[in-house]
């Protein structure tokens, strides 16, 4: 009993204190043991007859070039938002990326040649790439010239309901998996590709010279949050595909592509548009001495830029993720896995990641470590994962970097963890199978005699 208490204590300690992580490699290394890891791979070969995923399965990922302390600074005994400090520390290009996934329902059945799963999840992700020009505007306002040409932003929240099938062939050496998903968009906001906005201010006469191109923001479910629906008219289709091949008793390979699909946004849609303008001139004003800044900006948008609102439907990709892994069995209880992970985000470029992991299987638990590098933050990371089973209850966690456990939250710019509970029923391990076979042999001998 003590070893279970120690294991659970370690699990919660690691989960609560992690503040520096990246990607999904540590979580991926649990896929031989934990049901919910099928969120990142459709290949599912369970050891238990029936597997039930609870709504307590959640994951959170944050990667940012900006730390909390870069924008929230101490002012006496309080904290204040300081855009000037942000502008000082910002690089020429900065990125923030987050995503959250929550399992609503998941039920898996082991079959003779694989598995069948039914599932429902909610997912949301935000990516934002901004330039130093943007932080300059945030710090100084519209009081000087600027050019915004590299800004990218996209936010999507959606739900998915689907079915997954895994089937083995060639004496179980080859596994093929397919997950089909019905998607429903909950909320969305994104800036058109290659959007540009520049403003040149002449300090002598306050003449504004404006240039805009592709300056459109498409939204759905943002302007009227009261009518947001999990089952509205923003429909779509998605799929995951996977292949795994066992070369021999020691070495196997796996490939998977997840979240291939798109959503058509039709409900509660608003498009905010600025007309394309080349060297448009507006008789500006002195910001410091004007008392009607809001009215002046509105006049500029209407007179010079031609700001309009429309309600045209649009389609967006949900962003695919690719995993390629090689697994080597040192023994039945010791596994090495090398993994490549890439994220094809539709709004910003995210660099691929690479990891080398080790997992050790115990009787009722497994634990592992993963060394990884790559991603937009680069550097070397050491992650950890743990899964503990108490009867039919399984508890697990995975995180990507344990180096900052107990560190200052305000100095963190990355976080990645997974945590959850599952119920598992009907396991027959090798010892149990051998015991049943021996019982059958004894019964046969008694019958013969």
Protein backbone atom coordinates (compact mmCIF):
# COMPACT_ATOMS: atom_id res chain seq x y z
CA UNK A 1 0.00 0.00 0.00
CA UNK A 2 2.85 2.40 0.81
CA UNK A 3 4.31 2.16 -2.68
CA UNK A 4 0.97 3.26 -4.16
CA UNK A 5 0.82 6.24 -1.80
CA UNK A 6 4.36 7.23 -2.75
CA UNK A 7 3.57 6.85 -6.45
CA UNK A 8 0.41 8.97 -6.26
CA UNK A 9 2.18 11.62 -4.19
CA UNK A 10 4.95 11.83 -6.79
CA UNK A 11 2.38 12.02 -9.58
CA UNK A 12 0.56 14.98 -8.04
CA UNK A 13 3.81 16.71 -7.01
CA UNK A 14 5.12 16.58 -10.57
CA UNK A 15 1.77 17.63 -12.01
CA UNK A 16 1.25 20.63 -9.75
CA UNK A 17 4.80 21.99 -9.77
CA UNK A 18 5.65 21.77 -13.45
CA UNK A 19 6.00 25.20 -15.09
CA UNK A 20 8.38 24.63 -17.97
CA UNK A 21 7.62 22.20 -20.79
CA UNK A 22 6.98 21.74 -24.49
CA UNK A 23 5.28 19.48 -27.04
CA UNK A 24 3.78 16.00 -26.51
CA UNK A 25 6.73 13.59 -26.53
CA UNK A 26 6.54 12.52 -22.88
CA UNK A 27 2.81 11.89 -23.16
CA UNK A 28 3.35 9.96 -26.39
CA UNK A 29 5.74 7.60 -24.59
CA UNK A 30 2.86 6.46 -22.36
CA UNK A 31 0.85 5.21 -25.33
CA UNK A 32 1.52 1.52 -24.57
CA UNK A 33 -0.07 1.93 -21.14
CA UNK A 34 -2.60 4.78 -21.12
CA UNK A 35 -5.84 4.93 -23.05
CA UNK A 36 -6.07 8.70 -23.41
CA UNK A 37 -2.77 8.88 -25.27
CA UNK A 38 -4.81 7.82 -28.30
CA UNK A 39 -5.62 11.50 -28.60
CA UNK A 40 -2.22 11.78 -30.28
CA UNK A 41 -2.21 8.45 -32.11
CA UNK A 42 -5.17 6.53 -33.56
CA UNK A 43 -3.35 3.19 -33.11
CA UNK A 44 -4.90 1.56 -30.05
CA UNK A 45 -4.00 -1.99 -28.98
CA UNK A 46 -5.36 -2.27 -25.43
CA UNK A 47 -4.44 -4.89 -22.87
CA UNK A 48 -7.88 -4.64 -21.24
CA UNK A 49 -11.21 -5.77 -22.67
CA UNK A 50 -13.09 -2.57 -21.76
CA UNK A 51 -11.53 0.87 -21.28
CA UNK A 52 -13.44 3.93 -20.11
CA UNK A 53 -11.94 7.43 -20.19
CA UNK A 54 -13.36 9.88 -17.65
CA UNK A 55 -13.93 13.64 -18.20
CA UNK A 56 -10.93 14.19 -15.90
CA UNK A 57 -8.52 13.61 -18.79
CA UNK A 58 -7.12 17.04 -19.65
CA UNK A 59 -4.05 18.50 -21.30
CA UNK A 60 -2.57 21.98 -21.46
CA UNK A 61 0.24 23.32 -23.60
CA UNK A 62 1.81 26.79 -23.63
CA UNK A 63 4.85 27.96 -25.57
CA UNK A 64 5.82 31.62 -25.52
CA UNK A 65 8.81 33.80 -26.33
CA UNK A 66 7.56 36.23 -23.66
CA UNK A 67 7.70 35.57 -19.92
CA UNK A 68 5.03 36.78 -17.49
CA UNK A 69 7.60 39.05 -15.83
CA UNK A 70 8.24 40.77 -19.18
CA UNK A 71 4.83 42.43 -19.11
CA UNK A 72 3.84 42.25 -15.43
CA UNK A 73 6.42 44.19 -13.42
CA UNK A 74 6.60 45.17 -9.77
CA UNK A 75 5.40 48.65 -8.83
CA UNK A 76 5.78 49.10 -5.11
CA UNK A 77 3.76 46.32 -3.50
CA UNK A 78 1.68 45.74 -6.63
CA UNK A 79 2.10 44.43 -10.16
CA UNK A 80 1.35 46.54 -13.21
CA UNK A 81 1.15 45.91 -16.93
CA UNK A 82 4.21 47.55 -18.48
CA UNK A 83 4.16 47.66 -22.29
CA UNK A 84 7.34 49.71 -22.36
CA UNK A 85 9.23 46.91 -20.64
CA UNK A 86 7.64 44.40 -23.03
CA UNK A 87 8.83 46.47 -25.98
CA UNK A 88 12.35 46.59 -24.50
CA UNK A 89 12.71 42.81 -24.17
CA UNK A 90 10.72 41.78 -27.28
CA UNK A 91 12.55 40.25 -30.22
CA UNK A 92 11.93 41.21 -33.84
CA UNK A 93 9.49 38.26 -34.04
CA UNK A 94 7.64 36.79 -31.03
CA UNK A 95 5.21 33.89 -30.76
CA UNK A 96 2.67 32.61 -28.26
CA UNK A 97 0.95 29.24 -28.78
CA UNK A 98 -1.50 27.48 -26.46
CA UNK A 99 -3.85 24.56 -26.74
CA UNK A 100 -6.17 22.80 -24.30
CA UNK A 101 -7.85 19.43 -24.78
CA UNK A 102 -10.49 17.88 -22.51
CA UNK A 103 -11.97 14.41 -22.85
CA UNK A 104 -15.75 14.36 -22.45
CA UNK A 105 -16.24 10.66 -23.11
CA UNK A 106 -14.18 7.72 -24.36
CA UNK A 107 -15.05 4.04 -24.47
CA UNK A 108 -12.75 1.41 -25.95
CA UNK A 109 -13.30 -2.29 -26.64
CA UNK A 110 -10.55 -4.81 -27.28
CA UNK A 111 -11.22 -7.06 -30.27
CA UNK A 112 -9.44 -10.19 -31.48
CA UNK A 113 -7.51 -8.18 -34.05
CA UNK A 114 -7.39 -4.69 -32.54
CA UNK A 115 -9.94 -2.34 -31.01
CA UNK A 116 -12.99 -0.12 -31.47
CA UNK A 117 -13.31 3.23 -29.69
CA UNK A 118 -16.07 5.82 -29.29
CA UNK A 119 -15.07 9.27 -28.08
CA UNK A 120 -15.95 12.95 -27.64
CA UNK A 121 -13.45 15.74 -26.94
CA UNK A 122 -13.31 19.51 -26.79
CA UNK A 123 -10.24 21.33 -28.06
CA UNK A 124 -9.16 24.93 -28.30
CA UNK A 125 -5.95 26.52 -29.49
CA UNK A 126 -4.55 30.03 -29.80
CA UNK A 127 -1.49 31.04 -31.80
CA UNK A 128 -0.19 34.58 -32.06
CA UNK A 129 2.92 35.82 -33.80
CA UNK A 130 3.69 39.51 -33.33
CA UNK A 131 6.57 41.81 -34.21
CA UNK A 132 8.53 44.39 -32.26
CA UNK A 133 6.58 47.00 -34.23
CA UNK A 134 3.43 45.77 -32.49
CA UNK A 135 4.95 46.08 -29.02
CA UNK A 136 6.14 49.57 -29.98
CA UNK A 137 2.56 50.57 -30.78
CA UNK A 138 1.38 49.01 -27.51
CA UNK A 139 3.98 51.01 -25.61
CA UNK A 140 3.76 54.33 -27.48
CA UNK A 141 0.27 54.30 -29.00
CA UNK A 142 -0.41 55.82 -32.42
CA UNK A 143 1.86 58.77 -31.76
CA UNK A 144 4.56 57.70 -34.21
CA UNK A 145 4.96 55.84 -37.48
CA UNK A 146 4.80 52.06 -37.62
CA UNK A 147 4.37 49.17 -40.04
CA UNK A 148 2.59 45.93 -39.10
CA UNK A 149 3.39 43.37 -41.78
CA UNK A 150 4.29 40.18 -39.90
CA UNK A 151 1.35 39.84 -37.49
CA UNK A 152 -0.46 36.48 -37.41
CA UNK A 153 -3.18 35.31 -35.06
CA UNK A 154 -5.70 32.49 -34.93
CA UNK A 155 -8.01 31.14 -32.22
CA UNK A 156 -10.24 28.07 -32.59
CA UNK A 157 -12.47 26.21 -30.14
CA UNK A 158 -14.35 23.13 -31.31
CA UNK A 159 -15.76 19.77 -30.24
CA UNK A 160 -15.34 16.41 -31.91
CA UNK A 161 -17.33 13.17 -31.78
CA UNK A 162 -16.09 10.08 -33.52
CA UNK A 163 -15.20 6.43 -33.84
CA UNK A 164 -11.81 4.79 -34.10
CA UNK A 165 -10.86 1.36 -35.46
CA UNK A 166 -7.50 -0.41 -35.18
CA UNK A 167 -6.92 -3.67 -37.06
CA UNK A 168 -3.86 -5.92 -37.10
CA UNK A 169 -2.59 -7.99 -40.03
CA UNK A 170 0.35 -10.30 -40.89
CA UNK A 171 0.20 -12.22 -37.61
CA UNK A 172 -0.25 -8.97 -35.67
CA UNK A 173 2.96 -7.48 -37.04
CA UNK A 174 1.14 -4.72 -38.95
CA UNK A 175 -1.44 -2.41 -37.33
CA UNK A 176 -3.61 0.00 -39.33
CA UNK A 177 -5.77 2.61 -37.60
CA UNK A 178 -8.39 5.12 -38.67
CA UNK A 179 -10.38 7.61 -36.59
CA UNK A 180 -13.30 9.48 -38.20
CA UNK A 181 -14.53 12.63 -36.46
CA UNK A 182 -17.54 14.88 -36.78
CA UNK A 183 -16.41 18.41 -35.89
CA UNK A 184 -18.45 21.32 -34.58
CA UNK A 185 -16.94 24.79 -34.30
CA UNK A 186 -17.65 26.64 -31.04
CA UNK A 187 -15.73 29.90 -31.56
CA UNK A 188 -13.11 31.25 -33.94
CA UNK A 189 -11.13 34.40 -34.71
CA UNK A 190 -8.28 34.78 -37.19
CA UNK A 191 -6.42 37.39 -39.20
CA UNK A 192 -6.18 36.89 -42.95
CA UNK A 193 -2.86 35.65 -44.31
CA UNK A 194 -0.40 38.37 -45.34
CA UNK A 195 -2.42 41.10 -43.62
CA UNK A 196 -0.57 44.42 -43.62
CA UNK A 197 -1.17 47.78 -41.98
CA UNK A 198 1.25 50.69 -41.94
CA UNK A 199 0.93 54.26 -40.75
CA UNK A 200 3.40 57.07 -41.41
CA UNK A 201 2.85 60.21 -39.30
CA UNK A 202 4.39 63.53 -40.25
CA UNK A 203 5.11 65.27 -36.91
CA UNK A 204 5.15 68.70 -38.57
CA UNK A 205 1.61 68.74 -39.96
CA UNK A 206 0.13 65.50 -38.50
CA UNK A 207 -0.67 64.10 -41.92
CA UNK A 208 -1.22 60.32 -41.83
CA UNK A 209 -0.18 58.18 -44.79
CA UNK A 210 -1.92 54.80 -44.56
CA UNK A 211 -1.32 51.52 -46.42
CA UNK A 212 -3.41 48.38 -45.88
CA UNK A 213 -3.72 44.97 -47.57
CA UNK A 214 -5.70 41.83 -46.63
CA UNK A 215 -6.67 43.52 -43.34
CA UNK A 216 -9.60 41.25 -42.47
CA UNK A 217 -10.45 39.49 -39.23
CA UNK A 218 -12.89 36.56 -39.54
CA UNK A 219 -14.85 35.63 -36.41
CA UNK A 220 -17.57 33.23 -35.34
CA UNK A 221 -19.12 32.99 -31.88
CA UNK A 222 -17.03 35.91 -30.64
CA UNK A 223 -19.31 38.94 -30.94
CA UNK A 224 -22.33 37.12 -29.45
CA UNK A 225 -21.05 34.75 -26.77
CA UNK A 226 -24.55 34.07 -25.40
CA UNK A 227 -25.43 32.03 -28.50
CA UNK A 228 -22.33 29.82 -28.48
CA UNK A 229 -23.30 26.19 -29.07
CA UNK A 230 -21.45 22.88 -28.87
CA UNK A 231 -23.77 21.52 -31.56
CA UNK A 232 -24.41 24.50 -33.83
CA UNK A 233 -24.15 25.00 -37.56
CA UNK A 234 -20.34 25.25 -37.77
CA UNK A 235 -19.79 21.75 -39.06
CA UNK A 236 -16.73 19.94 -40.31
CA UNK A 237 -15.04 16.59 -40.76
CA UNK A 238 -11.72 15.32 -39.47
CA UNK A 239 -9.70 12.13 -39.42
CA UNK A 240 -6.59 10.53 -37.93
CA UNK A 241 -4.59 7.80 -39.65
CA UNK A 242 -1.87 5.54 -38.32
CA UNK A 243 0.42 2.66 -39.26
CA UNK A 244 2.64 0.50 -37.07
CA UNK A 245 4.92 -2.35 -38.09
CA UNK A 246 6.83 -4.79 -35.91
CA UNK A 247 10.06 -5.60 -37.71
CA UNK A 248 11.04 -8.25 -35.15
CA UNK A 249 10.55 -9.03 -31.47
CA UNK A 250 12.72 -6.06 -30.52
CA UNK A 251 12.19 -3.29 -33.08
CA UNK A 252 9.02 -1.65 -34.37
CA UNK A 253 8.03 1.58 -36.14
CA UNK A 254 4.98 3.80 -36.00
CA UNK A 255 3.62 6.69 -38.08
CA UNK A 256 0.52 8.75 -37.44
CA UNK A 257 -1.12 11.93 -38.73
CA UNK A 258 -3.79 13.51 -36.55
CA UNK A 259 -6.39 16.24 -36.98
CA UNK A 260 -6.62 16.20 -40.75
CA UNK A 261 -9.73 18.23 -41.44
CA UNK A 262 -11.50 21.57 -41.53
CA UNK A 263 -14.53 23.46 -40.20
CA UNK A 264 -16.93 25.65 -42.17
CA UNK A 265 -18.01 28.62 -40.04
CA UNK A 266 -21.58 29.78 -40.70
CA UNK A 267 -23.19 30.60 -37.34
CA UNK A 268 -22.78 34.00 -35.68
CA UNK A 269 -20.17 35.06 -38.27
CA UNK A 270 -18.74 38.59 -38.49
CA UNK A 271 -15.96 39.68 -40.84
CA UNK A 272 -14.19 42.90 -39.94
CA UNK A 273 -12.68 44.37 -43.11
CA UNK A 274 -10.44 47.27 -44.00
CA UNK A 275 -10.32 48.15 -47.69
CA UNK A 276 -6.99 47.79 -49.44
CA UNK A 277 -5.46 51.27 -49.45
CA UNK A 278 -2.23 52.48 -51.08
CA UNK A 279 -0.79 55.74 -49.73
CA UNK A 280 -4.10 57.00 -48.44
CA UNK A 281 -3.74 60.39 -46.76
CA UNK A 282 -5.67 61.60 -43.74
CA UNK A 283 -5.36 64.97 -42.03
CA UNK A 284 -4.35 63.68 -38.64
CA UNK A 285 -4.08 65.43 -35.30
CA UNK A 286 -1.86 65.81 -32.28
CA UNK A 287 -2.67 62.87 -29.98
CA UNK A 288 -1.28 64.61 -26.93
CA UNK A 289 -3.46 67.71 -27.33
CA UNK A 290 -6.66 66.19 -28.72
CA UNK A 291 -9.56 65.30 -26.49
CA UNK A 292 -11.45 63.21 -29.06
CA UNK A 293 -9.02 60.42 -29.91
CA UNK A 294 -11.76 57.80 -30.32
CA UNK A 295 -13.80 59.93 -32.69
CA UNK A 296 -10.74 60.87 -34.74
CA UNK A 297 -9.68 57.25 -35.17
CA UNK A 298 -13.22 56.25 -36.14
CA UNK A 299 -13.30 59.03 -38.76
CA UNK A 300 -9.96 57.84 -40.14
CA UNK A 301 -11.19 54.25 -40.42
CA UNK A 302 -14.40 55.28 -42.17
CA UNK A 303 -13.07 58.05 -44.41
CA UNK A 304 -9.65 56.74 -45.38
CA UNK A 305 -9.68 52.99 -44.79
CA UNK A 306 -13.28 52.09 -45.55
CA UNK A 307 -14.02 49.88 -42.54
CA UNK A 308 -16.92 47.46 -43.10
CA UNK A 309 -18.56 44.48 -41.41
CA UNK A 310 -19.90 41.48 -43.35
CA UNK A 311 -21.37 38.08 -42.47
CA UNK A 312 -19.74 35.76 -45.02
CA UNK A 313 -19.04 32.13 -44.10
CA UNK A 314 -15.47 30.84 -44.27
CA UNK A 315 -13.51 27.61 -43.86
CA UNK A 316 -10.44 26.91 -41.70
CA UNK A 317 -8.15 23.93 -41.17
CA UNK A 318 -7.85 22.57 -37.63
CA UNK A 319 -4.09 21.97 -37.95
CA UNK A 320 -2.51 18.54 -38.32
CA UNK A 321 0.13 16.88 -36.14
CA UNK A 322 2.55 14.18 -37.26
CA UNK A 323 4.39 11.58 -35.18
CA UNK A 324 7.02 9.13 -36.35
CA UNK A 325 8.57 6.79 -33.80
CA UNK A 326 10.92 3.85 -33.53
CA UNK A 327 10.50 1.58 -30.48
CA UNK A 328 13.12 -0.84 -29.22
CA UNK A 329 12.38 -3.43 -26.52
CA UNK A 330 15.34 -3.91 -24.23
CA UNK A 331 13.16 -6.48 -22.46
CA UNK A 332 9.47 -7.02 -21.76
CA UNK A 333 9.57 -4.31 -19.08
CA UNK A 334 12.09 -1.86 -20.56
CA UNK A 335 11.39 0.15 -23.72
CA UNK A 336 13.32 2.79 -25.63
CA UNK A 337 11.49 5.08 -28.07
CA UNK A 338 12.84 7.72 -30.46
CA UNK A 339 10.16 10.17 -31.66
CA UNK A 340 9.82 12.93 -34.23
CA UNK A 341 6.93 15.38 -33.82
CA UNK A 342 5.78 18.17 -36.13
CA UNK A 343 2.87 20.58 -35.88
CA UNK A 344 1.41 21.92 -39.14
CA UNK A 345 -0.29 24.97 -37.67
CA UNK A 346 -2.40 26.92 -40.21
CA UNK A 347 -1.37 30.32 -38.80
CA UNK A 348 2.26 30.27 -37.69
CA UNK A 349 5.34 28.13 -38.35
CA UNK A 350 6.25 25.75 -35.50
CA UNK A 351 9.57 23.93 -35.62
CA UNK A 352 9.62 20.12 -35.22
CA UNK A 353 10.76 18.37 -32.04
CA UNK A 354 12.80 15.24 -31.41
CA UNK A 355 12.89 13.01 -28.35
CA UNK A 356 14.50 9.87 -26.94
CA UNK A 357 12.55 8.21 -24.15
CA UNK A 358 12.81 5.27 -21.76
CA UNK A 359 9.91 3.60 -19.94
CA UNK A 360 10.01 0.94 -17.27
CA UNK A 361 6.92 -1.21 -16.67
CA UNK A 362 6.16 -2.49 -13.17
CA UNK A 363 3.35 -4.79 -12.07
CA UNK A 364 0.80 -2.00 -11.54
CA UNK A 365 2.63 1.08 -12.77
CA UNK A 366 4.99 2.49 -15.34
CA UNK A 367 7.33 5.44 -15.28
CA UNK A 368 9.65 7.01 -17.80
CA UNK A 369 11.88 9.89 -18.82
CA UNK A 370 12.21 11.66 -22.17
CA UNK A 371 15.10 13.80 -23.39
CA UNK A 372 13.99 16.15 -26.16
CA UNK A 373 15.01 19.19 -28.18
CA UNK A 374 13.64 21.35 -30.97
CA UNK A 375 10.42 23.30 -31.10
CA UNK A 376 10.27 27.08 -31.20
CA UNK A 377 11.94 27.38 -27.80
CA UNK A 378 14.79 25.00 -28.70
CA UNK A 379 17.23 23.88 -26.04
CA UNK A 380 17.44 20.62 -24.12
CA UNK A 381 14.53 19.34 -22.02
CA UNK A 382 14.10 16.36 -19.72
CA UNK A 383 10.51 15.19 -19.32
CA UNK A 384 8.87 12.55 -17.16
CA UNK A 385 5.73 10.44 -17.16
CA UNK A 386 3.99 8.16 -14.69
CA UNK A 387 0.95 5.89 -14.69
CA UNK A 388 -0.34 4.07 -11.59
CA UNK A 389 -3.11 1.49 -11.40
CA UNK A 390 -5.22 0.93 -8.28
CA UNK A 391 -7.55 -1.94 -9.04
CA UNK A 392 -9.61 -0.88 -12.05
CA UNK A 393 -8.63 2.80 -11.61
CA UNK A 394 -5.70 4.23 -13.56
CA UNK A 395 -4.11 7.63 -12.82
CA UNK A 396 -1.44 9.16 -15.03
CA UNK A 397 0.49 12.33 -15.77
CA UNK A 398 3.09 13.42 -18.30
CA UNK A 399 5.15 16.59 -18.61
CA UNK A 400 7.86 17.74 -20.94
CA UNK A 401 10.43 19.47 -18.73
CA UNK A 402 11.08 18.91 -15.02
CA UNK A 403 14.02 21.31 -14.79
CA UNK A 404 11.93 24.16 -13.44
CA UNK A 405 9.94 22.30 -10.80
CA UNK A 406 9.38 24.71 -7.93
CA UNK A 407 10.62 27.67 -9.99
CA UNK A 408 9.09 31.13 -10.10
CA UNK A 409 5.85 31.25 -12.08
CA UNK A 410 6.57 34.75 -13.34
CA UNK A 411 9.74 33.53 -15.03
CA UNK A 412 7.96 30.74 -16.93
CA UNK A 413 7.20 30.99 -20.62
CA UNK A 414 6.31 27.35 -21.34
CA UNK A 415 4.10 24.72 -19.74
CA UNK A 416 2.92 21.35 -20.96
CA UNK A 417 1.19 18.69 -18.91
CA UNK A 418 -1.31 15.89 -19.27
CA UNK A 419 -3.29 14.41 -16.43
CA UNK A 420 -6.19 11.98 -16.20
CA UNK A 421 -8.09 9.04 -14.80
CA UNK A 422 -9.35 5.95 -16.63
CA UNK A 423 -11.26 2.81 -15.68
CA UNK A 424 -9.92 -0.48 -17.05
CA UNK A 425 -11.69 -3.82 -16.91
CA UNK A 426 -10.96 -7.40 -18.00
CA UNK A 427 -7.18 -7.70 -18.17
CA UNK A 428 -5.63 -11.10 -18.79
CA UNK A 429 -1.88 -10.92 -18.50
CA UNK A 430 0.53 -13.67 -19.51
CA UNK A 431 0.52 -15.19 -16.05
CA UNK A 432 -3.28 -15.34 -16.02
CA UNK A 433 -3.42 -16.83 -19.50
CA UNK A 434 -0.87 -19.51 -18.54
CA UNK A 435 -2.88 -20.26 -15.40
CA UNK A 436 -6.05 -20.76 -17.46
CA UNK A 437 -4.23 -22.97 -19.94
CA UNK A 438 -2.86 -25.11 -17.08
CA UNK A 439 -6.39 -25.42 -15.61
CA UNK A 440 -7.71 -26.61 -18.98
CA UNK A 441 -4.95 -29.23 -19.22
CA UNK A 442 -5.77 -30.49 -15.70
CA UNK A 443 -9.49 -30.67 -16.51
CA UNK A 444 -8.72 -32.61 -19.70
CA UNK A 445 -6.52 -35.11 -17.81
CA UNK A 446 -9.22 -35.63 -15.16
CA UNK A 447 -11.81 -36.18 -17.91
CA UNK A 448 -9.61 -38.71 -19.70
CA UNK A 449 -9.02 -40.69 -16.54
